[in-house]
């Protein structure tokens, strides 16, 4: 007969395994350090997917508090092209692509483009704010330390499955592009410009 303590341990272990298995962002990259100690960035496949206009699916209406304590909803930006970037202050590839995102965000702001970050795995939003200051990032980021917002993307959709990931949403809020890699300025412009030009 199994003791109550052993049964409890097995139940807890099974629940943890199920929870870990359902996470979109499973750790599989090289070691890095976050605000809470050791963590891992989730390396992408290097894949960049472009979706034809008629085949696009809507992004979920994610909302929440930003790293600066303000409320933000993706739905508020309907009618704009949205560049949605998943990042962490501890993530070396995120640091490498930050200047590219900043430059393109500044250059396209008057073309109806809004950049929004999803900051993940930073256990303290102060680290995200310091990252913004260091890299002169002016656009807002949703604070998502445990990845709950990212999990709102449905299975088998173009979910942001790596850190960093970037999605480009068209003016109807549909996913036009997904990059599972850090983006150079040239790559980002090449992916973004056709979506900006759509009528």
N, C-alpha and C. Protein backbone atom coordinates (compact mmCIF):
# COMPACT_ATOMS: atom_id res chain seq x y z
N UNK A 1 0.83 -1.19 0.00
CA UNK A 1 0.00 0.00 0.00
C UNK A 1 0.88 1.26 0.00
N UNK A 2 0.51 2.24 -0.81
CA UNK A 2 1.30 3.47 -0.94
C UNK A 2 0.93 4.41 0.19
N UNK A 3 1.93 4.94 0.89
CA UNK A 3 1.66 5.88 1.99
C UNK A 3 1.13 7.19 1.43
N UNK A 4 0.44 7.93 2.29
CA UNK A 4 -0.14 9.21 1.87
C UNK A 4 0.95 10.18 1.43
N UNK A 5 2.07 10.16 2.13
CA UNK A 5 3.17 11.07 1.78
C UNK A 5 3.73 10.75 0.39
N UNK A 6 3.94 9.45 0.11
CA UNK A 6 4.44 9.06 -1.21
C UNK A 6 3.45 9.41 -2.31
N UNK A 7 2.17 9.18 -2.04
CA UNK A 7 1.13 9.49 -3.01
C UNK A 7 1.11 10.99 -3.30
N UNK A 8 1.25 11.79 -2.23
CA UNK A 8 1.26 13.25 -2.40
C UNK A 8 2.45 13.67 -3.27
N UNK A 9 3.64 13.06 -2.99
CA UNK A 9 4.83 13.39 -3.78
C UNK A 9 4.63 13.05 -5.25
N UNK A 10 4.05 11.89 -5.51
CA UNK A 10 3.80 11.47 -6.89
C UNK A 10 2.81 12.40 -7.57
N UNK A 11 1.77 12.81 -6.84
CA UNK A 11 0.77 13.71 -7.41
C UNK A 11 1.39 15.06 -7.75
N UNK A 12 2.18 15.59 -6.83
CA UNK A 12 2.85 16.88 -7.07
C UNK A 12 3.81 16.76 -8.25
N UNK A 13 4.58 15.66 -8.31
CA UNK A 13 5.52 15.48 -9.41
C UNK A 13 4.79 15.36 -10.74
N UNK A 14 3.67 14.64 -10.75
CA UNK A 14 2.90 14.49 -11.98
C UNK A 14 2.31 15.82 -12.43
N UNK A 15 1.79 16.59 -11.47
CA UNK A 15 1.22 17.90 -11.80
C UNK A 15 2.29 18.82 -12.36
N UNK A 16 3.48 18.78 -11.77
CA UNK A 16 4.57 19.62 -12.25
C UNK A 16 4.98 19.22 -13.67
N UNK A 17 5.00 17.91 -13.93
CA UNK A 17 5.37 17.44 -15.26
C UNK A 17 4.34 17.87 -16.30
N UNK A 18 3.06 17.80 -15.95
CA UNK A 18 2.00 18.23 -16.86
C UNK A 18 2.13 19.72 -17.14
N UNK A 19 2.33 20.51 -16.08
CA UNK A 19 2.46 21.97 -16.25
C UNK A 19 3.65 22.30 -17.12
N UNK A 20 4.77 21.62 -16.88
CA UNK A 20 5.96 21.88 -17.69
C UNK A 20 5.74 21.49 -19.14
N UNK A 21 5.01 20.41 -19.35
CA UNK A 21 4.76 19.95 -20.71
C UNK A 21 3.86 20.87 -21.50
N UNK A 22 2.99 21.62 -20.80
CA UNK A 22 2.07 22.50 -21.51
C UNK A 22 2.67 23.85 -21.83
N UNK A 23 3.78 24.16 -21.23
CA UNK A 23 4.39 25.46 -21.50
C UNK A 23 4.91 25.52 -22.92
N UNK A 24 4.59 26.60 -23.59
CA UNK A 24 5.10 26.80 -24.93
C UNK A 24 6.60 27.05 -24.89
N UNK A 25 7.03 27.80 -23.89
CA UNK A 25 8.43 28.19 -23.81
C UNK A 25 9.19 27.26 -22.89
N UNK A 26 9.58 26.11 -23.36
CA UNK A 26 10.37 25.19 -22.58
C UNK A 26 11.83 25.52 -22.76
N UNK A 27 12.59 25.44 -21.67
CA UNK A 27 13.99 25.83 -21.73
C UNK A 27 14.80 24.83 -22.52
N UNK A 28 15.54 25.33 -23.51
CA UNK A 28 16.36 24.42 -24.31
C UNK A 28 17.57 25.12 -24.90
N UNK A 29 17.93 26.25 -24.33
CA UNK A 29 19.05 26.99 -24.91
C UNK A 29 20.25 26.99 -24.00
N UNK A 30 21.11 27.98 -24.21
CA UNK A 30 22.31 28.08 -23.40
C UNK A 30 22.01 28.86 -22.14
N UNK A 31 22.83 28.64 -21.10
CA UNK A 31 22.58 29.28 -19.82
C UNK A 31 22.76 30.79 -19.91
N UNK A 32 21.92 31.49 -19.14
CA UNK A 32 22.01 32.93 -18.98
C UNK A 32 21.54 33.24 -17.58
N UNK A 33 21.57 34.48 -17.20
CA UNK A 33 21.16 34.83 -15.85
C UNK A 33 20.04 35.85 -15.91
N UNK A 34 19.01 35.65 -15.07
CA UNK A 34 17.88 36.58 -15.01
C UNK A 34 17.88 37.26 -13.66
N UNK A 35 16.85 38.05 -13.45
CA UNK A 35 16.73 38.74 -12.19
C UNK A 35 16.48 37.79 -11.04
N UNK A 36 16.12 36.56 -11.33
CA UNK A 36 15.83 35.62 -10.27
C UNK A 36 16.89 34.54 -10.14
N UNK A 37 18.02 34.67 -10.78
CA UNK A 37 19.04 33.65 -10.70
C UNK A 37 19.27 33.02 -12.06
N UNK A 38 19.56 31.73 -12.06
CA UNK A 38 19.86 31.05 -13.33
C UNK A 38 18.59 30.77 -14.11
N UNK A 39 18.65 30.98 -15.40
CA UNK A 39 17.55 30.66 -16.30
C UNK A 39 18.16 30.28 -17.63
N UNK A 40 17.34 30.04 -18.63
CA UNK A 40 17.84 29.70 -19.94
C UNK A 40 17.02 30.43 -20.98
N UNK A 41 17.69 30.93 -22.03
CA UNK A 41 16.89 31.47 -23.12
C UNK A 41 16.46 30.31 -23.99
N UNK A 42 15.35 30.48 -24.65
CA UNK A 42 14.81 29.43 -25.50
C UNK A 42 15.24 29.73 -26.92
N UNK A 43 16.20 28.97 -27.40
CA UNK A 43 16.73 29.26 -28.72
C UNK A 43 15.71 28.93 -29.79
N UNK A 44 15.61 29.79 -30.77
CA UNK A 44 14.65 29.60 -31.84
C UNK A 44 15.20 28.70 -32.93
N UNK A 45 14.36 28.42 -33.87
CA UNK A 45 14.74 27.55 -34.99
C UNK A 45 15.44 28.33 -36.09
N UNK A 46 15.41 29.66 -36.00
CA UNK A 46 15.95 30.48 -37.07
C UNK A 46 14.95 30.69 -38.19
N UNK A 47 13.75 30.19 -37.98
CA UNK A 47 12.71 30.22 -39.01
C UNK A 47 12.00 31.57 -39.04
N UNK A 48 11.74 32.06 -40.24
CA UNK A 48 10.92 33.25 -40.43
C UNK A 48 9.77 32.85 -41.36
N UNK A 49 8.55 32.95 -40.84
CA UNK A 49 7.37 32.51 -41.58
C UNK A 49 6.56 33.73 -42.02
N UNK A 50 6.24 33.80 -43.30
CA UNK A 50 5.40 34.86 -43.85
C UNK A 50 4.08 34.23 -44.28
N UNK A 51 2.96 34.83 -43.88
CA UNK A 51 1.64 34.27 -44.16
C UNK A 51 0.91 35.15 -45.17
N UNK A 52 0.38 34.54 -46.20
CA UNK A 52 -0.42 35.28 -47.18
C UNK A 52 -1.63 35.91 -46.49
N UNK A 53 -2.06 37.04 -46.99
CA UNK A 53 -3.12 37.81 -46.34
C UNK A 53 -4.39 36.99 -46.10
N UNK A 54 -4.79 36.17 -47.06
CA UNK A 54 -6.02 35.40 -46.92
C UNK A 54 -5.92 34.22 -45.97
N UNK A 55 -4.71 33.87 -45.55
CA UNK A 55 -4.51 32.69 -44.70
C UNK A 55 -4.17 33.03 -43.25
N UNK A 56 -4.21 34.29 -42.90
CA UNK A 56 -3.77 34.70 -41.56
C UNK A 56 -4.84 34.43 -40.50
N UNK A 57 -4.34 34.14 -39.29
CA UNK A 57 -5.21 33.96 -38.12
C UNK A 57 -5.01 35.11 -37.16
N UNK A 58 -6.07 35.44 -36.44
CA UNK A 58 -6.01 36.55 -35.49
C UNK A 58 -5.14 36.19 -34.29
N UNK A 59 -4.39 37.16 -33.84
CA UNK A 59 -3.64 37.00 -32.59
C UNK A 59 -4.62 37.12 -31.43
N UNK A 60 -4.35 36.47 -30.31
CA UNK A 60 -5.24 36.62 -29.16
C UNK A 60 -5.19 38.05 -28.63
N UNK A 61 -6.27 38.47 -28.01
CA UNK A 61 -6.32 39.82 -27.44
C UNK A 61 -5.66 39.80 -26.07
N UNK A 62 -4.33 39.89 -26.06
CA UNK A 62 -3.61 39.87 -24.80
C UNK A 62 -3.60 41.27 -24.20
N UNK A 63 -3.62 41.31 -22.89
CA UNK A 63 -3.60 42.59 -22.19
C UNK A 63 -3.02 42.38 -20.80
N UNK A 64 -2.65 43.46 -20.17
CA UNK A 64 -2.10 43.37 -18.82
C UNK A 64 -1.33 44.61 -18.46
N UNK A 65 -0.51 44.46 -17.44
CA UNK A 65 0.29 45.57 -16.94
C UNK A 65 1.63 45.60 -17.65
N UNK A 66 2.09 46.79 -17.94
CA UNK A 66 3.39 46.93 -18.58
C UNK A 66 4.51 46.91 -17.53
N UNK A 67 5.73 46.88 -18.00
CA UNK A 67 6.88 46.91 -17.10
C UNK A 67 6.96 48.24 -16.34
N UNK A 68 6.20 49.23 -16.79
CA UNK A 68 6.16 50.53 -16.11
C UNK A 68 4.87 50.72 -15.32
N UNK A 69 4.10 49.64 -15.15
CA UNK A 69 2.92 49.68 -14.29
C UNK A 69 1.67 50.26 -14.92
N UNK A 70 1.64 50.41 -16.22
CA UNK A 70 0.44 50.91 -16.91
C UNK A 70 -0.32 49.75 -17.54
N UNK A 71 -1.59 49.96 -17.83
CA UNK A 71 -2.40 48.94 -18.49
C UNK A 71 -2.25 49.05 -20.00
N UNK A 72 -2.19 47.91 -20.67
CA UNK A 72 -2.05 47.89 -22.12
C UNK A 72 -2.86 46.71 -22.66
N UNK A 73 -3.57 46.96 -23.75
CA UNK A 73 -4.31 45.91 -24.44
C UNK A 73 -3.94 45.93 -25.92
N UNK A 74 -3.67 44.78 -26.47
CA UNK A 74 -3.33 44.68 -27.88
C UNK A 74 -4.46 45.21 -28.75
N UNK A 75 -5.70 45.02 -28.30
CA UNK A 75 -6.87 45.46 -29.07
C UNK A 75 -6.88 46.97 -29.28
N UNK A 76 -6.23 47.72 -28.39
CA UNK A 76 -6.19 49.17 -28.52
C UNK A 76 -5.44 49.62 -29.77
N UNK A 77 -4.66 48.73 -30.35
CA UNK A 77 -3.83 49.09 -31.50
C UNK A 77 -4.38 48.55 -32.81
N UNK A 78 -5.61 48.06 -32.80
CA UNK A 78 -6.23 47.61 -34.05
C UNK A 78 -6.26 48.78 -35.02
N UNK A 79 -5.94 48.53 -36.27
CA UNK A 79 -5.82 49.59 -37.26
C UNK A 79 -4.38 50.00 -37.49
N UNK A 80 -3.49 49.54 -36.60
CA UNK A 80 -2.05 49.77 -36.78
C UNK A 80 -1.38 48.43 -37.08
N UNK A 81 -0.23 48.49 -37.71
CA UNK A 81 0.62 47.32 -37.81
C UNK A 81 1.36 47.22 -36.48
N UNK A 82 1.34 46.04 -35.87
CA UNK A 82 1.96 45.86 -34.56
C UNK A 82 3.12 44.89 -34.69
N UNK A 83 4.27 45.29 -34.16
CA UNK A 83 5.43 44.41 -34.06
C UNK A 83 5.51 43.99 -32.59
N UNK A 84 5.31 42.71 -32.36
CA UNK A 84 5.23 42.15 -31.01
C UNK A 84 6.49 41.32 -30.76
N UNK A 85 7.33 41.77 -29.84
CA UNK A 85 8.62 41.12 -29.60
C UNK A 85 8.68 40.53 -28.19
N UNK A 86 8.97 39.23 -28.10
CA UNK A 86 9.13 38.55 -26.82
C UNK A 86 10.61 38.60 -26.44
N UNK A 87 10.89 39.08 -25.22
CA UNK A 87 12.27 39.29 -24.84
C UNK A 87 12.45 39.18 -23.33
N UNK A 88 13.70 39.07 -22.91
CA UNK A 88 14.07 39.13 -21.50
C UNK A 88 15.35 39.90 -21.35
N UNK A 89 15.49 40.60 -20.24
CA UNK A 89 16.69 41.43 -20.06
C UNK A 89 17.95 40.59 -19.90
N UNK A 90 17.79 39.33 -19.56
CA UNK A 90 18.88 38.39 -19.31
C UNK A 90 19.33 37.65 -20.57
N UNK A 91 18.63 37.88 -21.68
CA UNK A 91 18.78 37.08 -22.90
C UNK A 91 19.76 37.76 -23.86
N UNK A 92 20.90 37.10 -24.10
CA UNK A 92 21.94 37.69 -24.96
C UNK A 92 21.45 38.00 -26.37
N UNK A 93 20.69 37.12 -27.04
CA UNK A 93 20.19 37.47 -28.37
C UNK A 93 19.21 38.65 -28.33
N UNK A 94 18.47 38.81 -27.23
CA UNK A 94 17.56 39.96 -27.09
C UNK A 94 18.36 41.25 -27.01
N UNK A 95 19.46 41.20 -26.28
CA UNK A 95 20.34 42.36 -26.16
C UNK A 95 20.91 42.72 -27.53
N UNK A 96 21.28 41.70 -28.29
CA UNK A 96 21.87 41.93 -29.62
C UNK A 96 20.89 42.56 -30.59
N UNK A 97 19.60 42.18 -30.51
CA UNK A 97 18.64 42.71 -31.47
C UNK A 97 17.98 44.01 -31.01
N UNK A 98 18.15 44.40 -29.75
CA UNK A 98 17.49 45.59 -29.22
C UNK A 98 17.75 46.86 -30.04
N UNK A 99 18.99 47.15 -30.46
CA UNK A 99 19.21 48.36 -31.26
C UNK A 99 18.47 48.32 -32.60
N UNK A 100 18.32 47.13 -33.17
CA UNK A 100 17.61 47.00 -34.45
C UNK A 100 16.12 47.30 -34.28
N UNK A 101 15.54 46.76 -33.21
CA UNK A 101 14.12 47.02 -32.93
C UNK A 101 13.90 48.51 -32.66
N UNK A 102 14.78 49.09 -31.85
CA UNK A 102 14.64 50.52 -31.53
C UNK A 102 14.68 51.37 -32.79
N UNK A 103 15.66 51.12 -33.63
CA UNK A 103 15.84 51.93 -34.84
C UNK A 103 14.62 51.83 -35.76
N UNK A 104 14.15 50.60 -36.00
CA UNK A 104 13.01 50.42 -36.90
C UNK A 104 11.74 50.98 -36.26
N UNK A 105 11.59 50.85 -34.96
CA UNK A 105 10.40 51.42 -34.29
C UNK A 105 10.37 52.93 -34.45
N UNK A 106 11.51 53.57 -34.33
CA UNK A 106 11.57 55.02 -34.49
C UNK A 106 11.29 55.43 -35.93
N UNK A 107 11.82 54.68 -36.87
CA UNK A 107 11.69 55.03 -38.29
C UNK A 107 10.28 54.78 -38.84
N UNK A 108 9.51 53.90 -38.21
CA UNK A 108 8.20 53.54 -38.75
C UNK A 108 7.02 54.06 -37.92
N UNK A 109 7.30 54.79 -36.87
CA UNK A 109 6.23 55.28 -35.99
C UNK A 109 5.22 56.14 -36.73
N UNK A 110 5.69 56.91 -37.71
CA UNK A 110 4.77 57.78 -38.46
C UNK A 110 4.11 57.07 -39.64
N UNK A 111 4.30 55.74 -39.74
CA UNK A 111 3.69 54.95 -40.80
C UNK A 111 2.60 54.03 -40.25
N UNK A 112 2.14 54.32 -39.05
CA UNK A 112 1.08 53.50 -38.46
C UNK A 112 1.57 52.19 -37.89
N UNK A 113 2.81 52.18 -37.40
CA UNK A 113 3.39 50.97 -36.81
C UNK A 113 3.60 51.18 -35.31
N UNK A 114 3.19 50.21 -34.52
CA UNK A 114 3.39 50.25 -33.07
C UNK A 114 4.19 49.03 -32.64
N UNK A 115 5.30 49.25 -31.99
CA UNK A 115 6.08 48.16 -31.40
C UNK A 115 5.60 47.94 -29.97
N UNK A 116 5.48 46.67 -29.58
CA UNK A 116 5.12 46.29 -28.21
C UNK A 116 5.98 45.10 -27.83
N UNK A 117 6.55 45.14 -26.65
CA UNK A 117 7.32 44.01 -26.15
C UNK A 117 6.47 43.15 -25.23
N UNK A 118 6.89 41.91 -25.08
CA UNK A 118 6.40 41.04 -24.01
C UNK A 118 7.63 40.61 -23.25
N UNK A 119 7.82 41.19 -22.08
CA UNK A 119 8.98 40.88 -21.25
C UNK A 119 8.67 39.63 -20.44
N UNK A 120 9.52 38.61 -20.57
CA UNK A 120 9.25 37.35 -19.88
C UNK A 120 10.47 36.88 -19.10
N UNK A 121 10.17 36.14 -18.03
CA UNK A 121 11.17 35.53 -17.15
C UNK A 121 12.03 36.51 -16.39
N UNK A 122 11.70 37.77 -16.41
CA UNK A 122 12.33 38.74 -15.51
C UNK A 122 11.48 38.78 -14.25
N UNK A 123 12.04 38.34 -13.13
CA UNK A 123 11.26 38.24 -11.90
C UNK A 123 11.03 39.60 -11.25
N UNK A 124 11.72 40.61 -11.73
CA UNK A 124 11.55 41.97 -11.21
C UNK A 124 11.46 42.92 -12.41
N UNK A 125 10.36 43.68 -12.51
CA UNK A 125 10.23 44.58 -13.66
C UNK A 125 11.29 45.67 -13.70
N UNK A 126 11.97 45.90 -12.60
CA UNK A 126 13.05 46.90 -12.59
C UNK A 126 14.15 46.52 -13.58
N UNK A 127 14.39 45.24 -13.75
CA UNK A 127 15.41 44.80 -14.72
C UNK A 127 14.99 45.13 -16.14
N UNK A 128 13.69 44.97 -16.42
CA UNK A 128 13.17 45.32 -17.75
C UNK A 128 13.28 46.82 -17.99
N UNK A 129 12.98 47.61 -16.96
CA UNK A 129 13.08 49.08 -17.10
C UNK A 129 14.52 49.51 -17.32
N UNK A 130 15.45 48.85 -16.62
CA UNK A 130 16.87 49.16 -16.81
C UNK A 130 17.31 48.82 -18.23
N UNK A 131 16.80 47.70 -18.77
CA UNK A 131 17.09 47.31 -20.15
C UNK A 131 16.61 48.40 -21.11
N UNK A 132 15.38 48.88 -20.90
CA UNK A 132 14.84 49.94 -21.75
C UNK A 132 15.71 51.19 -21.71
N UNK A 133 16.16 51.57 -20.52
CA UNK A 133 17.01 52.75 -20.39
C UNK A 133 18.34 52.54 -21.11
N UNK A 134 18.95 51.38 -20.90
CA UNK A 134 20.26 51.09 -21.48
C UNK A 134 20.21 51.12 -23.01
N UNK A 135 19.11 50.60 -23.57
CA UNK A 135 19.01 50.48 -25.03
C UNK A 135 18.10 51.53 -25.66
N UNK A 136 17.70 52.52 -24.87
CA UNK A 136 16.86 53.64 -25.33
C UNK A 136 15.57 53.16 -25.99
N UNK A 137 14.94 52.13 -25.40
CA UNK A 137 13.68 51.60 -25.90
C UNK A 137 12.55 52.46 -25.35
N UNK A 138 11.74 53.02 -26.24
CA UNK A 138 10.65 53.91 -25.84
C UNK A 138 9.28 53.24 -25.88
N UNK A 139 9.15 52.16 -26.66
CA UNK A 139 7.84 51.52 -26.78
C UNK A 139 7.55 50.66 -25.54
N UNK A 140 6.27 50.38 -25.25
CA UNK A 140 5.90 49.66 -24.03
C UNK A 140 6.11 48.15 -24.16
N UNK A 141 6.26 47.52 -23.00
CA UNK A 141 6.33 46.06 -22.94
C UNK A 141 5.38 45.55 -21.87
N UNK A 142 4.59 44.56 -22.22
CA UNK A 142 3.78 43.86 -21.23
C UNK A 142 4.71 43.06 -20.33
N UNK A 143 4.40 43.04 -19.04
CA UNK A 143 5.22 42.30 -18.08
C UNK A 143 4.62 40.92 -17.90
N UNK A 144 5.35 39.90 -18.31
CA UNK A 144 4.83 38.52 -18.34
C UNK A 144 5.89 37.56 -17.78
N UNK A 145 6.20 37.67 -16.48
CA UNK A 145 7.32 36.90 -15.94
C UNK A 145 7.15 35.39 -16.03
N UNK A 146 5.91 34.91 -16.00
CA UNK A 146 5.69 33.46 -16.01
C UNK A 146 5.16 32.94 -17.34
N UNK A 147 5.09 33.77 -18.36
CA UNK A 147 4.71 33.32 -19.69
C UNK A 147 3.22 33.09 -19.91
N UNK A 148 2.37 33.59 -19.02
CA UNK A 148 0.92 33.36 -19.16
C UNK A 148 0.34 34.03 -20.40
N UNK A 149 0.82 35.20 -20.73
CA UNK A 149 0.31 35.88 -21.93
C UNK A 149 0.70 35.12 -23.19
N UNK A 150 1.91 34.60 -23.20
CA UNK A 150 2.38 33.86 -24.37
C UNK A 150 1.55 32.59 -24.56
N UNK A 151 1.13 31.99 -23.46
CA UNK A 151 0.34 30.76 -23.53
C UNK A 151 -1.07 31.00 -24.06
N UNK A 152 -1.48 32.25 -24.20
CA UNK A 152 -2.80 32.55 -24.77
C UNK A 152 -2.85 32.32 -26.27
N UNK A 153 -1.69 32.22 -26.90
CA UNK A 153 -1.67 31.90 -28.33
C UNK A 153 -2.09 30.44 -28.48
N UNK A 154 -3.07 30.15 -29.34
CA UNK A 154 -3.56 28.77 -29.45
C UNK A 154 -2.51 27.80 -29.98
N UNK A 155 -2.67 26.53 -29.61
CA UNK A 155 -1.80 25.49 -30.16
C UNK A 155 -1.95 25.47 -31.68
N UNK A 156 -0.88 25.09 -32.33
CA UNK A 156 -0.84 25.00 -33.80
C UNK A 156 -1.04 26.35 -34.49
N UNK A 157 -0.83 27.43 -33.73
CA UNK A 157 -0.86 28.75 -34.35
C UNK A 157 0.58 29.24 -34.45
N UNK A 158 0.77 30.39 -35.02
CA UNK A 158 2.11 30.96 -35.10
C UNK A 158 2.44 31.65 -33.79
N UNK A 159 2.53 30.86 -32.73
CA UNK A 159 2.83 31.39 -31.40
C UNK A 159 4.31 31.77 -31.32
N UNK A 160 4.62 32.74 -30.46
CA UNK A 160 6.04 33.09 -30.25
C UNK A 160 6.69 32.04 -29.35
N UNK A 161 7.34 31.06 -29.94
CA UNK A 161 7.82 29.90 -29.22
C UNK A 161 9.29 29.94 -28.84
N UNK A 162 9.90 31.08 -28.91
CA UNK A 162 11.31 31.19 -28.56
C UNK A 162 11.55 32.54 -27.93
N UNK A 163 12.70 32.69 -27.31
CA UNK A 163 13.10 33.98 -26.76
C UNK A 163 14.46 34.30 -27.37
N UNK A 164 14.55 35.31 -28.23
CA UNK A 164 13.47 36.20 -28.65
C UNK A 164 12.63 35.62 -29.80
N UNK A 165 11.41 36.11 -29.88
CA UNK A 165 10.51 35.88 -31.01
C UNK A 165 9.92 37.22 -31.40
N UNK A 166 9.57 37.35 -32.66
CA UNK A 166 8.89 38.56 -33.11
C UNK A 166 7.73 38.18 -34.03
N UNK A 167 6.57 38.76 -33.74
CA UNK A 167 5.40 38.62 -34.59
C UNK A 167 5.10 39.98 -35.20
N UNK A 168 4.67 39.99 -36.46
CA UNK A 168 4.16 41.21 -37.08
C UNK A 168 2.69 40.98 -37.35
N UNK A 169 1.85 41.82 -36.75
CA UNK A 169 0.41 41.73 -36.91
C UNK A 169 -0.04 42.78 -37.91
N UNK A 170 -0.92 42.40 -38.82
CA UNK A 170 -1.45 43.37 -39.77
C UNK A 170 -2.47 44.28 -39.10
N UNK A 171 -3.04 45.19 -39.84
CA UNK A 171 -3.94 46.19 -39.26
C UNK A 171 -5.25 45.60 -38.74
N UNK A 172 -5.52 44.34 -39.09
CA UNK A 172 -6.71 43.65 -38.58
C UNK A 172 -6.38 42.79 -37.36
N UNK A 173 -5.14 42.87 -36.90
CA UNK A 173 -4.75 42.09 -35.73
C UNK A 173 -4.42 40.64 -36.04
N UNK A 174 -4.14 40.35 -37.32
CA UNK A 174 -3.82 38.98 -37.72
C UNK A 174 -2.31 38.82 -37.89
N UNK A 175 -1.84 37.60 -37.63
CA UNK A 175 -0.40 37.34 -37.66
C UNK A 175 0.07 37.19 -39.11
N UNK A 176 0.88 38.15 -39.54
CA UNK A 176 1.40 38.16 -40.91
C UNK A 176 2.78 37.54 -41.01
N UNK A 177 3.58 37.69 -39.94
CA UNK A 177 4.96 37.21 -39.94
C UNK A 177 5.30 36.71 -38.54
N UNK A 178 6.08 35.62 -38.49
CA UNK A 178 6.66 35.18 -37.22
C UNK A 178 8.13 34.87 -37.44
N UNK A 179 8.98 35.41 -36.56
CA UNK A 179 10.41 35.11 -36.59
C UNK A 179 10.80 34.45 -35.28
N UNK A 180 11.36 33.26 -35.36
CA UNK A 180 11.84 32.54 -34.18
C UNK A 180 13.35 32.68 -34.11
N UNK A 181 13.79 33.93 -34.03
CA UNK A 181 15.21 34.25 -34.06
C UNK A 181 15.39 35.72 -33.74
N UNK A 182 16.58 36.12 -33.34
CA UNK A 182 16.85 37.55 -33.25
C UNK A 182 16.94 38.12 -34.67
N UNK A 183 16.43 39.33 -34.83
CA UNK A 183 16.36 39.92 -36.17
C UNK A 183 17.38 41.03 -36.35
N UNK A 184 18.01 41.04 -37.50
CA UNK A 184 18.83 42.18 -37.88
C UNK A 184 17.90 43.30 -38.33
N UNK A 185 18.41 44.50 -38.41
CA UNK A 185 17.61 45.63 -38.88
C UNK A 185 17.11 45.36 -40.31
N UNK A 186 17.96 44.82 -41.15
CA UNK A 186 17.59 44.54 -42.54
C UNK A 186 16.48 43.49 -42.61
N UNK A 187 16.60 42.42 -41.83
CA UNK A 187 15.58 41.36 -41.83
C UNK A 187 14.23 41.90 -41.35
N UNK A 188 14.28 42.72 -40.30
CA UNK A 188 13.04 43.28 -39.76
C UNK A 188 12.36 44.19 -40.77
N UNK A 189 13.12 45.05 -41.41
CA UNK A 189 12.53 45.95 -42.41
C UNK A 189 11.95 45.16 -43.59
N UNK A 190 12.66 44.13 -44.02
CA UNK A 190 12.21 43.32 -45.16
C UNK A 190 10.89 42.62 -44.84
N UNK A 191 10.73 42.17 -43.60
CA UNK A 191 9.49 41.50 -43.19
C UNK A 191 8.36 42.49 -42.95
N UNK A 192 8.69 43.66 -42.43
CA UNK A 192 7.69 44.64 -42.02
C UNK A 192 7.15 45.47 -43.18
N UNK A 193 8.01 45.87 -44.10
CA UNK A 193 7.59 46.81 -45.15
C UNK A 193 6.38 46.34 -45.98
N UNK A 194 6.34 45.06 -46.38
CA UNK A 194 5.16 44.64 -47.16
C UNK A 194 3.85 44.73 -46.36
N UNK A 195 3.91 44.51 -45.06
CA UNK A 195 2.71 44.59 -44.23
C UNK A 195 2.28 46.05 -44.08
N UNK A 196 3.24 46.95 -43.96
CA UNK A 196 2.94 48.39 -43.89
C UNK A 196 2.22 48.83 -45.18
N UNK A 197 2.66 48.30 -46.30
CA UNK A 197 2.12 48.74 -47.60
C UNK A 197 0.75 48.17 -47.93
N UNK A 198 0.31 47.17 -47.19
CA UNK A 198 -0.99 46.55 -47.48
C UNK A 198 -2.12 47.55 -47.31
N UNK A 199 -3.13 47.42 -48.14
CA UNK A 199 -4.30 48.30 -48.06
C UNK A 199 -5.45 47.55 -47.41
